[in-house]
Protein backbone atom coordinates (compact mmCIF):
# COMPACT_ATOMS: atom_id res chain seq x y z
CA MET A 1 146.80 -75.86 -37.86
CA ALA A 2 144.45 -73.66 -39.88
CA THR A 3 141.07 -75.09 -40.83
CA THR A 4 139.71 -74.40 -44.29
CA VAL A 5 135.98 -73.86 -44.42
CA PRO A 6 134.55 -74.85 -47.81
CA GLU A 7 132.39 -72.28 -49.59
CA PRO A 8 128.69 -73.27 -49.44
CA PRO A 9 127.27 -74.37 -52.75
CA LYS A 10 125.27 -71.77 -54.71
CA ILE A 11 121.62 -72.53 -55.08
CA GLU A 12 120.15 -71.27 -58.30
CA ASP A 13 116.89 -69.39 -57.82
CA ARG A 14 114.60 -70.67 -60.55
CA ARG A 15 111.75 -68.34 -59.70
CA ASP A 16 110.63 -65.74 -62.20
CA PRO A 17 112.83 -62.63 -61.78
CA ALA A 18 109.96 -60.45 -62.86
CA ARG A 19 107.78 -61.85 -60.09
CA LEU A 20 110.56 -61.29 -57.52
CA SER A 21 111.02 -57.70 -58.62
CA GLY A 22 107.29 -57.00 -58.45
CA ASN A 23 107.07 -56.11 -62.14
CA ALA A 24 104.98 -59.06 -63.16
CA GLY A 25 101.58 -58.34 -64.57
CA SER A 26 99.91 -60.83 -62.26
CA GLY A 27 101.40 -59.22 -59.13
CA GLY A 28 101.39 -62.56 -57.40
CA GLY A 29 97.76 -63.03 -58.34
CA ARG A 30 96.65 -59.80 -56.65
CA THR A 31 96.26 -57.49 -59.63
CA LEU A 32 94.82 -57.74 -63.11
CA VAL A 33 97.27 -55.33 -64.76
CA PRO A 34 99.19 -57.18 -67.51
CA ALA A 35 102.92 -56.77 -67.99
CA GLN A 36 102.44 -54.89 -71.25
CA GLY A 37 99.72 -52.68 -69.80
CA ASP A 38 97.07 -53.87 -72.28
CA MET A 39 93.87 -53.60 -70.26
CA ARG A 40 91.77 -54.52 -73.30
CA ALA A 41 93.36 -57.99 -73.31
CA VAL A 42 92.32 -58.44 -69.70
CA LYS A 43 88.75 -57.45 -70.49
CA ASP A 44 88.60 -59.83 -73.47
CA TYR A 45 89.81 -62.88 -71.56
CA SER A 46 88.48 -62.34 -68.03
CA PRO A 47 85.49 -64.50 -67.06
CA PRO A 48 82.33 -62.59 -68.10
CA PRO A 49 79.79 -62.87 -65.25
CA ALA A 50 77.13 -61.19 -67.41
CA SER A 51 77.23 -64.07 -69.89
CA THR A 52 76.71 -66.60 -67.11
CA GLY A 53 73.96 -64.66 -65.38
CA ILE A 54 71.92 -64.08 -68.53
CA TRP A 55 71.46 -67.82 -69.07
CA VAL A 56 70.09 -68.15 -65.55
CA VAL A 57 67.64 -65.32 -66.25
CA LEU A 58 66.53 -66.83 -69.56
CA ALA A 59 66.04 -70.23 -67.95
CA SER A 60 63.81 -68.77 -65.24
CA ILE A 61 61.74 -66.86 -67.81
CA THR A 62 61.35 -70.03 -69.88
CA MET A 63 60.09 -71.98 -66.89
CA SER A 64 57.61 -69.21 -66.01
CA PHE A 65 56.04 -69.16 -69.46
CA ALA A 66 56.10 -72.96 -69.64
CA ALA A 67 54.03 -73.03 -66.43
CA LEU A 68 51.56 -70.52 -67.89
CA THR A 69 51.31 -72.57 -71.09
CA SER A 70 50.54 -75.68 -69.07
CA ALA A 71 47.87 -73.79 -67.12
CA LEU A 72 46.31 -72.56 -70.37
CA VAL A 73 46.14 -76.07 -71.85
CA VAL A 74 44.64 -77.54 -68.68
CA ARG A 75 42.12 -74.72 -68.33
CA GLN A 76 41.04 -75.04 -71.94
CA GLY A 77 40.52 -78.79 -71.59
CA SER A 78 38.31 -78.45 -68.52
CA ALA A 79 36.39 -75.26 -69.39
CA LEU A 80 32.86 -75.05 -70.74
CA ASP A 81 33.06 -71.28 -71.22
CA TRP A 82 36.05 -71.32 -73.58
CA ARG A 83 35.28 -69.12 -76.58
CA HIS A 84 37.24 -68.19 -79.68
CA LEU A 85 39.04 -64.86 -79.50
CA ASP A 86 39.90 -62.75 -82.54
CA LEU A 87 43.41 -61.45 -82.03
CA PRO A 88 43.92 -57.72 -82.66
CA ARG A 89 45.58 -57.23 -86.03
CA ILE A 90 48.10 -54.82 -84.60
CA LEU A 91 49.84 -57.79 -82.99
CA TYR A 92 51.24 -58.75 -86.39
CA PHE A 93 52.60 -55.25 -86.88
CA ASN A 94 54.13 -55.41 -83.40
CA THR A 95 55.82 -58.67 -84.38
CA LEU A 96 57.49 -57.01 -87.36
CA VAL A 97 58.62 -54.12 -85.17
CA LEU A 98 60.17 -56.44 -82.59
CA PHE A 99 62.04 -58.47 -85.20
CA ALA A 100 63.24 -55.27 -86.86
CA SER A 101 64.67 -54.23 -83.50
CA SER A 102 66.75 -57.43 -83.42
CA VAL A 103 68.19 -56.55 -86.82
CA THR A 104 69.15 -53.06 -85.68
CA LEU A 105 70.66 -54.47 -82.50
CA GLU A 106 72.92 -56.76 -84.52
CA LEU A 107 73.97 -53.76 -86.61
CA ALA A 108 74.73 -51.97 -83.37
CA ARG A 109 76.85 -54.87 -82.13
CA ARG A 110 78.98 -54.77 -85.26
CA GLU A 111 79.44 -51.02 -85.16
CA VAL A 112 80.16 -50.89 -81.44
CA GLY A 113 82.53 -53.85 -81.80
CA SER A 114 84.51 -52.02 -84.47
CA PHE A 115 84.55 -48.90 -82.30
CA MET A 116 85.84 -50.79 -79.27
CA GLY A 117 88.36 -52.62 -81.45
CA GLY A 118 90.07 -49.37 -82.39
CA LEU A 119 88.50 -48.82 -85.84
CA ARG A 120 87.04 -45.47 -84.89
CA ASP A 121 85.40 -43.09 -87.32
CA GLN A 122 84.76 -39.68 -85.82
CA ALA A 123 81.86 -39.12 -88.23
CA VAL A 124 79.98 -42.20 -86.99
CA ASN A 125 78.03 -42.37 -83.76
CA PRO A 126 78.60 -45.92 -82.43
CA ALA A 127 75.35 -45.74 -80.44
CA ARG A 128 73.06 -44.75 -83.31
CA TRP A 129 71.70 -48.25 -83.95
CA LEU A 130 71.26 -48.75 -80.22
CA TYR A 131 69.00 -45.71 -80.18
CA VAL A 132 67.03 -47.12 -83.11
CA THR A 133 66.65 -50.42 -81.26
CA LEU A 134 65.48 -48.56 -78.17
CA PHE A 135 62.88 -46.67 -80.21
CA LEU A 136 61.57 -49.84 -81.85
CA GLY A 137 61.30 -51.52 -78.45
CA LEU A 138 59.25 -48.62 -77.12
CA LEU A 139 57.11 -48.78 -80.25
CA PHE A 140 56.45 -52.46 -79.62
CA VAL A 141 55.30 -51.82 -76.05
CA ALA A 142 53.06 -48.98 -77.27
CA GLY A 143 51.62 -51.32 -79.90
CA GLN A 144 50.83 -53.89 -77.23
CA TYR A 145 48.95 -51.23 -75.28
CA VAL A 146 46.94 -50.41 -78.40
CA ALA A 147 46.09 -54.13 -78.72
CA TRP A 148 44.76 -54.12 -75.15
CA LEU A 149 42.65 -51.05 -75.94
CA GLN A 150 41.23 -52.76 -79.01
CA LEU A 151 40.32 -55.77 -76.92
CA ARG A 152 38.66 -53.55 -74.33
CA SER A 153 36.63 -51.88 -77.07
CA GLN A 154 35.17 -55.32 -77.86
CA GLY A 155 34.04 -55.66 -74.25
CA LEU A 156 36.78 -58.16 -73.39
CA PHE A 157 38.48 -57.42 -70.08
CA LEU A 158 40.78 -59.38 -67.77
CA ALA A 159 37.93 -61.20 -66.02
CA THR A 160 35.48 -61.46 -68.93
CA ASN A 161 36.34 -65.07 -69.82
CA PRO A 162 39.34 -67.44 -69.61
CA ASN A 163 40.46 -66.51 -73.14
CA SER A 164 40.81 -62.80 -72.42
CA SER A 165 42.40 -63.51 -69.04
CA PHE A 166 45.21 -65.55 -70.59
CA PHE A 167 45.64 -63.00 -73.37
CA TYR A 168 46.16 -60.12 -70.95
CA VAL A 169 48.39 -62.11 -68.59
CA LEU A 170 50.69 -63.55 -71.28
CA THR A 171 51.05 -60.36 -73.33
CA ALA A 172 51.45 -58.12 -70.27
CA LEU A 173 54.10 -60.39 -68.74
CA HIS A 174 56.01 -60.44 -72.00
CA ALA A 175 55.77 -56.65 -72.28
CA LEU A 176 57.21 -56.30 -68.77
CA HIS A 177 60.18 -58.44 -69.78
CA VAL A 178 60.64 -56.33 -72.91
CA MET A 179 60.72 -53.23 -70.71
CA GLY A 180 63.45 -54.93 -68.70
CA GLY A 181 65.37 -55.35 -71.95
CA LEU A 182 64.86 -51.66 -72.69
CA GLY A 183 66.46 -50.90 -69.33
CA GLY A 184 69.40 -53.05 -70.36
CA LEU A 185 69.75 -51.12 -73.61
CA VAL A 186 69.76 -47.82 -71.73
CA ARG A 187 72.53 -49.19 -69.50
CA VAL A 188 74.56 -50.29 -72.53
CA ILE A 189 74.20 -46.85 -74.16
CA ARG A 190 75.22 -45.10 -70.95
CA ARG A 191 78.29 -47.28 -70.46
CA LEU A 192 79.25 -46.81 -74.10
CA HIS A 193 79.21 -43.04 -73.72
CA LEU A 194 81.36 -43.37 -70.59
CA SER A 195 83.78 -45.67 -72.49
CA ILE A 196 83.41 -48.42 -69.87
CA LEU A 197 81.27 -50.83 -71.90
CA ARG A 198 82.41 -54.45 -71.83
CA LYS A 199 81.80 -56.78 -74.74
CA SER A 200 80.22 -59.36 -72.43
CA THR A 201 77.63 -56.79 -71.29
CA LEU A 202 76.64 -56.00 -74.86
CA ASP A 203 76.48 -59.70 -75.77
CA ALA A 204 74.32 -60.54 -72.74
CA THR A 205 71.90 -57.73 -73.55
CA SER A 206 71.68 -58.90 -77.15
CA ARG A 207 70.94 -62.49 -76.13
CA TYR A 208 68.18 -61.32 -73.83
CA TRP A 209 66.64 -59.15 -76.55
CA HIS A 210 66.73 -61.88 -79.18
CA PHE A 211 65.18 -64.25 -76.68
CA MET A 212 62.27 -61.81 -76.31
CA ASP A 213 61.74 -62.11 -80.09
CA VAL A 214 61.63 -65.90 -80.00
CA LEU A 215 59.40 -65.88 -76.93
CA TRP A 216 56.96 -63.47 -78.55
CA LEU A 217 56.75 -65.58 -81.70
CA TYR A 218 55.96 -68.59 -79.53
CA LEU A 219 53.29 -66.67 -77.62
CA LEU A 220 51.70 -65.36 -80.80
CA LEU A 221 51.40 -68.88 -82.21
CA LEU A 222 50.07 -70.13 -78.88
CA LEU A 223 47.41 -67.42 -78.72
CA TRP A 224 46.46 -67.93 -82.34
CA MET A 225 46.01 -71.69 -81.91
CA LYS A 226 44.48 -71.83 -78.43
CA LEU A 227 42.46 -68.64 -78.13
């Protein structure tokens, strides 16, 4: 007698056909190429490490200047040789220059953002305001050097008294951080010309630069009140 073997039941494969065929944008989690090929979408929504790292940098800078401020207050309270120091007037001009550079940097962010977003005007150089910001930053550092020369002309050097020591240390340390920001601007300009600039890189550089403005305003008030 013949034996009838029943046909095995069909099991429906509920997995994504695109993933099985290898056409999925995620590639099983191994590639960042989207299904539609829109790399700009990947750049907009991928985790920006620059944004995370810049907050760590700003926190460390804040703690460094907080320690120096504490040292200044303690030294002033225990010193018998603490004398009033007339701040060089060029510091106020330098303050205006630094804040003007923040304005030009924001203009640069808008123009570069429009350029990266596809609204391109061949007659407009998207890096022009970045160059202006770079120039103003260099002008600020040069102005700080002039302030040191003016202080030296008064016979006030690094080791003359506690007032001049704190003035040189605080302003020089801030100028070094500004020069670090200038290096960041150069990197942004270079990456923009190579068409590999990420929005997170520009945003992180802008945050750092604006922080230098706020920090300088704090230092100027501190020097004016304590020195």
